[in-house]
Amino acid sequence: MTDPAYQRLGLPVTASPYAVLRAAVRALHPDTRAVRGFRPARKRFYRQMLCAHSMRQAVGDRPTG
């Protein structure tokens, strides 16, 4: 099962890792990005999005909508 947060990014399977990161950054609220204490959580979120995307590419999954 794909992560719901990753599905909300709405990326095609062919998207580059950099495009995934840009979409993940835009998905976060600006106030969330501004808090220094949330940095480890943000990095973890970005890694999870990259991992979900690489798994989707490996399977050759098609977008669900």
PDB file of N, CA and C in Angstrom:
ATOM      1  N   MET A   1       0.845  -1.183   0.000  1.00  0.00           N
ATOM      2  CA  MET A   1       0.000   0.000   0.000  1.00  0.00           C
ATOM      3  C   MET A   1       0.883   1.237   0.000  1.00  0.00           C
ATOM      4  N   THR A   2       0.515   2.191  -0.808  1.00  0.00           N
ATOM      5  CA  THR A   2       1.284   3.417  -0.930  1.00  0.00           C
ATOM      6  C   THR A   2       0.893   4.391   0.172  1.00  0.00           C
ATOM      7  N   ASP A   3       1.875   5.144   0.630  1.00  0.00           N
ATOM      8  CA  ASP A   3       1.666   6.144   1.669  1.00  0.00           C
ATOM      9  C   ASP A   3       0.653   7.193   1.179  1.00  0.00           C
ATOM     10  N   PRO A   4      -0.387   7.501   1.958  1.00  0.00           N
ATOM     11  CA  PRO A   4      -1.375   8.507   1.535  1.00  0.00           C
ATOM     12  C   PRO A   4      -0.748   9.883   1.299  1.00  0.00           C
ATOM     13  N   ALA A   5       0.255  10.229   2.069  1.00  0.00           N
ATOM     14  CA  ALA A   5       0.914  11.527   1.864  1.00  0.00           C
ATOM     15  C   ALA A   5       1.604  11.555   0.506  1.00  0.00           C
ATOM     16  N   TYR A   6       2.191  10.438   0.112  1.00  0.00           N
ATOM     17  CA  TYR A   6       2.841  10.371  -1.205  1.00  0.00           C
ATOM     18  C   TYR A   6       1.797  10.468  -2.313  1.00  0.00           C
ATOM     19  N   GLN A   7       0.674   9.814  -2.145  1.00  0.00           N
ATOM     20  CA  GLN A   7      -0.380   9.865  -3.163  1.00  0.00           C
ATOM     21  C   GLN A   7      -0.890  11.288  -3.369  1.00  0.00           C
ATOM     22  N   ARG A   8      -0.940  12.068  -2.288  1.00  0.00           N
ATOM     23  CA  ARG A   8      -1.412  13.455  -2.401  1.00  0.00           C
ATOM     24  C   ARG A   8      -0.459  14.334  -3.197  1.00  0.00           C
ATOM     25  N   LEU A   9       0.795  13.909  -3.350  1.00  0.00           N
ATOM     26  CA  LEU A   9       1.734  14.703  -4.144  1.00  0.00           C
ATOM     27  C   LEU A   9       1.344  14.706  -5.613  1.00  0.00           C
ATOM     28  N   GLY A  10       0.687  13.645  -6.067  1.00  0.00           N
ATOM     29  CA  GLY A  10       0.193  13.590  -7.442  1.00  0.00           C
ATOM     30  C   GLY A  10       1.279  13.558  -8.481  1.00  0.00           C
ATOM     31  N   LEU A  11       2.321  12.792  -8.245  1.00  0.00           N
ATOM     32  CA  LEU A  11       3.455  12.737  -9.166  1.00  0.00           C
ATOM     33  C   LEU A  11       3.351  11.553 -10.111  1.00  0.00           C
ATOM     34  N   PRO A  12       3.835  11.731 -11.350  1.00  0.00           N
ATOM     35  CA  PRO A  12       3.886  10.581 -12.259  1.00  0.00           C
ATOM     36  C   PRO A  12       5.038   9.653 -11.867  1.00  0.00           C
ATOM     37  N   VAL A  13       4.985   8.426 -12.348  1.00  0.00           N
ATOM     38  CA  VAL A  13       6.035   7.454 -12.043  1.00  0.00           C
ATOM     39  C   VAL A  13       7.384   7.920 -12.573  1.00  0.00           C
ATOM     40  N   THR A  14       7.376   8.680 -13.647  1.00  0.00           N
ATOM     41  CA  THR A  14       8.618   9.104 -14.298  1.00  0.00           C
ATOM     42  C   THR A  14       9.253  10.332 -13.655  1.00  0.00           C
ATOM     43  N   ALA A  15       8.663  10.860 -12.606  1.00  0.00           N
ATOM     44  CA  ALA A  15       9.200  12.060 -11.954  1.00  0.00           C
ATOM     45  C   ALA A  15      10.586  11.780 -11.375  1.00  0.00           C
ATOM     46  N   SER A  16      11.440  12.778 -11.444  1.00  0.00           N
ATOM     47  CA  SER A  16      12.790  12.643 -10.903  1.00  0.00           C
ATOM     48  C   SER A  16      12.754  12.791  -9.379  1.00  0.00           C
ATOM     49  N   PRO A  17      13.800  12.313  -8.693  1.00  0.00           N
ATOM     50  CA  PRO A  17      13.867  12.502  -7.237  1.00  0.00           C
ATOM     51  C   PRO A  17      13.803  13.980  -6.835  1.00  0.00           C
ATOM     52  N   TYR A  18      14.401  14.836  -7.646  1.00  0.00           N
ATOM     53  CA  TYR A  18      14.362  16.266  -7.343  1.00  0.00           C
ATOM     54  C   TYR A  18      12.926  16.799  -7.416  1.00  0.00           C
ATOM     55  N   ALA A  19      12.155  16.320  -8.383  1.00  0.00           N
ATOM     56  CA  ALA A  19      10.750  16.732  -8.488  1.00  0.00           C
ATOM     57  C   ALA A  19       9.948  16.236  -7.287  1.00  0.00           C
ATOM     58  N   VAL A  20      10.287  15.053  -6.796  1.00  0.00           N
ATOM     59  CA  VAL A  20       9.615  14.518  -5.612  1.00  0.00           C
ATOM     60  C   VAL A  20       9.903  15.414  -4.411  1.00  0.00           C
ATOM     61  N   LEU A  21      11.165  15.798  -4.241  1.00  0.00           N
ATOM     62  CA  LEU A  21      11.521  16.680  -3.126  1.00  0.00           C
ATOM     63  C   LEU A  21      10.813  18.022  -3.218  1.00  0.00           C
ATOM     64  N   ARG A  22      10.776  18.596  -4.413  1.00  0.00           N
ATOM     65  CA  ARG A  22      10.092  19.887  -4.580  1.00  0.00           C
ATOM     66  C   ARG A  22       8.622  19.776  -4.225  1.00  0.00           C
ATOM     67  N   ALA A  23       7.970  18.706  -4.666  1.00  0.00           N
ATOM     68  CA  ALA A  23       6.548  18.512  -4.357  1.00  0.00           C
ATOM     69  C   ALA A  23       6.342  18.295  -2.852  1.00  0.00           C
ATOM     70  N   ALA A  24       7.258  17.562  -2.222  1.00  0.00           N
ATOM     71  CA  ALA A  24       7.143  17.313  -0.780  1.00  0.00           C
ATOM     72  C   ALA A  24       7.321  18.608   0.008  1.00  0.00           C
ATOM     73  N   VAL A  25       8.239  19.448  -0.418  1.00  0.00           N
ATOM     74  CA  VAL A  25       8.443  20.734   0.266  1.00  0.00           C
ATOM     75  C   VAL A  25       7.202  21.606   0.119  1.00  0.00           C
ATOM     76  N   ARG A  26       6.643  21.638  -1.083  1.00  0.00           N
ATOM     77  CA  ARG A  26       5.441  22.452  -1.304  1.00  0.00           C
ATOM     78  C   ARG A  26       4.237  21.912  -0.540  1.00  0.00           C
ATOM     79  N   ALA A  27       4.240  20.610  -0.229  1.00  0.00           N
ATOM     80  CA  ALA A  27       3.107  20.009   0.482  1.00  0.00           C
ATOM     81  C   ALA A  27       3.052  20.454   1.941  1.00  0.00           C
ATOM     82  N   LEU A  28       4.178  20.884   2.480  1.00  0.00           N
ATOM     83  CA  LEU A  28       4.216  21.310   3.882  1.00  0.00           C
ATOM     84  C   LEU A  28       3.809  22.776   4.009  1.00  0.00           C
ATOM     85  N   HIS A  29       3.125  23.080   5.074  1.00  0.00           N
ATOM     86  CA  HIS A  29       2.717  24.455   5.349  1.00  0.00           C
ATOM     87  C   HIS A  29       3.963  25.301   5.619  1.00  0.00           C
ATOM     88  N   PRO A  30       3.982  26.567   5.178  1.00  0.00           N
ATOM     89  CA  PRO A  30       5.156  27.421   5.409  1.00  0.00           C
ATOM     90  C   PRO A  30       5.537  27.553   6.888  1.00  0.00           C
ATOM     91  N   ASP A  31       4.553  27.568   7.778  1.00  0.00           N
ATOM     92  CA  ASP A  31       4.874  27.653   9.206  1.00  0.00           C
ATOM     93  C   ASP A  31       5.596  26.400   9.679  1.00  0.00           C
ATOM     94  N   THR A  32       5.229  25.261   9.124  1.00  0.00           N
ATOM     95  CA  THR A  32       5.893  24.008   9.480  1.00  0.00           C
ATOM     96  C   THR A  32       7.340  24.014   8.994  1.00  0.00           C
ATOM     97  N   ARG A  33       7.543  24.556   7.809  1.00  0.00           N
ATOM     98  CA  ARG A  33       8.910  24.621   7.267  1.00  0.00           C
ATOM     99  C   ARG A  33       9.775  25.609   8.040  1.00  0.00           C
ATOM    100  N   ALA A  34       9.172  26.588   8.695  1.00  0.00           N
ATOM    101  CA  ALA A  34       9.936  27.640   9.362  1.00  0.00           C
ATOM    102  C   ALA A  34      10.447  27.242  10.746  1.00  0.00           C
ATOM    103  N   VAL A  35       9.859  26.250  11.378  1.00  0.00           N
ATOM    104  CA  VAL A  35      10.233  25.875  12.741  1.00  0.00           C
ATOM    105  C   VAL A  35      11.483  25.014  12.711  1.00  0.00           C
ATOM    106  N   ARG A  36      12.542  25.512  13.325  1.00  0.00           N
ATOM    107  CA  ARG A  36      13.815  24.785  13.315  1.00  0.00           C
ATOM    108  C   ARG A  36      13.738  23.447  14.034  1.00  0.00           C
ATOM    109  N   GLY A  37      12.927  23.366  15.058  1.00  0.00           N
ATOM    110  CA  GLY A  37      12.804  22.138  15.829  1.00  0.00           C
ATOM    111  C   GLY A  37      12.177  20.987  15.053  1.00  0.00           C
ATOM    112  N   PHE A  38      11.481  21.308  13.956  1.00  0.00           N
ATOM    113  CA  PHE A  38      10.842  20.271  13.144  1.00  0.00           C
ATOM    114  C   PHE A  38      11.778  19.726  12.068  1.00  0.00           C
ATOM    115  N   ARG A  39      13.003  20.193  12.023  1.00  0.00           N
ATOM    116  CA  ARG A  39      13.914  19.799  10.948  1.00  0.00           C
ATOM    117  C   ARG A  39      14.090  18.283  10.835  1.00  0.00           C
ATOM    118  N   PRO A  40      14.327  17.565  11.938  1.00  0.00           N
ATOM    119  CA  PRO A  40      14.461  16.100  11.800  1.00  0.00           C
ATOM    120  C   PRO A  40      13.185  15.448  11.248  1.00  0.00           C
ATOM    121  N   ALA A  41      12.033  15.946  11.658  1.00  0.00           N
ATOM    122  CA  ALA A  41      10.773  15.391  11.163  1.00  0.00           C
ATOM    123  C   ALA A  41      10.593  15.698   9.676  1.00  0.00           C
ATOM    124  N   ARG A  42      10.970  16.903   9.261  1.00  0.00           N
ATOM    125  CA  ARG A  42      10.878  17.249   7.843  1.00  0.00           C
ATOM    126  C   ARG A  42      11.793  16.370   7.014  1.00  0.00           C
ATOM    127  N   LYS A  43      13.018  16.158   7.474  1.00  0.00           N
ATOM    128  CA  LYS A  43      13.957  15.313   6.741  1.00  0.00           C
ATOM    129  C   LYS A  43      13.427  13.886   6.651  1.00  0.00           C
ATOM    130  N   ARG A  44      12.820  13.407   7.729  1.00  0.00           N
ATOM    131  CA  ARG A  44      12.247  12.068   7.725  1.00  0.00           C
ATOM    132  C   ARG A  44      11.097  11.988   6.720  1.00  0.00           C
ATOM    133  N   PHE A  45      10.255  13.036   6.667  1.00  0.00           N
ATOM    134  CA  PHE A  45       9.155  13.085   5.710  1.00  0.00           C
ATOM    135  C   PHE A  45       9.681  13.054   4.280  1.00  0.00           C
ATOM    136  N   TYR A  46      10.704  13.845   3.995  1.00  0.00           N
ATOM    137  CA  TYR A  46      11.279  13.870   2.647  1.00  0.00           C
ATOM    138  C   TYR A  46      11.842  12.501   2.271  1.00  0.00           C
ATOM    139  N   ARG A  47      12.542  11.856   3.206  1.00  0.00           N
ATOM    140  CA  ARG A  47      13.088  10.523   2.931  1.00  0.00           C
ATOM    141  C   ARG A  47      11.971   9.516   2.670  1.00  0.00           C
ATOM    142  N   GLN A  48      10.881   9.612   3.426  1.00  0.00           N
ATOM    143  CA  GLN A  48       9.751   8.702   3.219  1.00  0.00           C
ATOM    144  C   GLN A  48       9.133   8.905   1.836  1.00  0.00           C
ATOM    145  N   MET A  49       9.016  10.146   1.399  1.00  0.00           N
ATOM    146  CA  MET A  49       8.451  10.416   0.084  1.00  0.00           C
ATOM    147  C   MET A  49       9.365   9.884  -1.019  1.00  0.00           C
ATOM    148  N   LEU A  50      10.680  10.066  -0.853  1.00  0.00           N
ATOM    149  CA  LEU A  50      11.626   9.547  -1.842  1.00  0.00           C
ATOM    150  C   LEU A  50      11.600   8.022  -1.876  1.00  0.00           C
ATOM    151  N   CYS A  51      11.496   7.404  -0.720  1.00  0.00           N
ATOM    152  CA  CYS A  51      11.447   5.947  -0.637  1.00  0.00           C
ATOM    153  C   CYS A  51      10.164   5.422  -1.288  1.00  0.00           C
ATOM    154  N   ALA A  52       9.039   6.045  -1.013  1.00  0.00           N
ATOM    155  CA  ALA A  52       7.770   5.624  -1.609  1.00  0.00           C
ATOM    156  C   ALA A  52       7.825   5.762  -3.126  1.00  0.00           C
ATOM    157  N   HIS A  53       8.453   6.826  -3.607  1.00  0.00           N
ATOM    158  CA  HIS A  53       8.550   7.032  -5.045  1.00  0.00           C
ATOM    159  C   HIS A  53       9.467   5.989  -5.690  1.00  0.00           C
ATOM    160  N   SER A  54      10.580   5.696  -5.061  1.00  0.00           N
ATOM    161  CA  SER A  54      11.489   4.702  -5.635  1.00  0.00           C
ATOM    162  C   SER A  54      10.842   3.318  -5.631  1.00  0.00           C
ATOM    163  N   MET A  55      10.065   3.008  -4.593  1.00  0.00           N
ATOM    164  CA  MET A  55       9.355   1.726  -4.571  1.00  0.00           C
ATOM    165  C   MET A  55       8.316   1.672  -5.683  1.00  0.00           C
ATOM    166  N   ARG A  56       7.626   2.769  -5.900  1.00  0.00           N
ATOM    167  CA  ARG A  56       6.627   2.824  -6.963  1.00  0.00           C
ATOM    168  C   ARG A  56       7.274   2.675  -8.331  1.00  0.00           C
ATOM    169  N   GLN A  57       8.440   3.282  -8.528  1.00  0.00           N
ATOM    170  CA  GLN A  57       9.150   3.139  -9.789  1.00  0.00           C
ATOM    171  C   GLN A  57       9.620   1.705 -10.002  1.00  0.00           C
ATOM    172  N   ALA A  58      10.081   1.062  -8.931  1.00  0.00           N
ATOM    173  CA  ALA A  58      10.573  -0.308  -9.039  1.00  0.00           C
ATOM    174  C   ALA A  58       9.461  -1.266  -9.446  1.00  0.00           C
ATOM    175  N   VAL A  59       8.265  -1.016  -8.945  1.00  0.00           N
ATOM    176  CA  VAL A  59       7.128  -1.880  -9.260  1.00  0.00           C
ATOM    177  C   VAL A  59       6.557  -1.534 -10.622  1.00  0.00           C
ATOM    178  N   GLY A  60       6.784  -0.305 -11.068  1.00  0.00           N
ATOM    179  CA  GLY A  60       6.211   0.138 -12.336  1.00  0.00           C
ATOM    180  C   GLY A  60       4.736   0.454 -12.211  1.00  0.00           C
ATOM    181  N   ASP A  61       4.360   0.913 -11.018  1.00  0.00           N
ATOM    182  CA  ASP A  61       2.964   1.213 -10.704  1.00  0.00           C
ATOM    183  C   ASP A  61       2.449   2.368 -11.555  1.00  0.00           C
ATOM    184  N   ARG A  62       1.162   2.347 -11.817  1.00  0.00           N
ATOM    185  CA  ARG A  62       0.508   3.440 -12.520  1.00  0.00           C
ATOM    186  C   ARG A  62      -0.231   4.297 -11.493  1.00  0.00           C
ATOM    187  N   PRO A  63      -0.390   5.600 -11.765  1.00  0.00           N
ATOM    188  CA  PRO A  63      -1.096   6.466 -10.818  1.00  0.00           C
ATOM    189  C   PRO A  63      -2.525   5.979 -10.609  1.00  0.00           C
ATOM    190  N   THR A  64      -2.982   6.092  -9.371  1.00  0.00           N
ATOM    191  CA  THR A  64      -4.326   5.625  -9.023  1.00  0.00           C
ATOM    192  C   THR A  64      -5.381   6.700  -9.210  1.00  0.00           C
ATOM    193  N   GLY A  65      -4.954   7.910  -9.477  1.00  0.00           N
ATOM    194  CA  GLY A  65      -5.964   8.934  -9.707  1.00  0.00           C
ATOM    195  C   GLY A  65      -5.689  10.099  -8.950  1.00  0.00           C
TER     196      GLY A  65
END
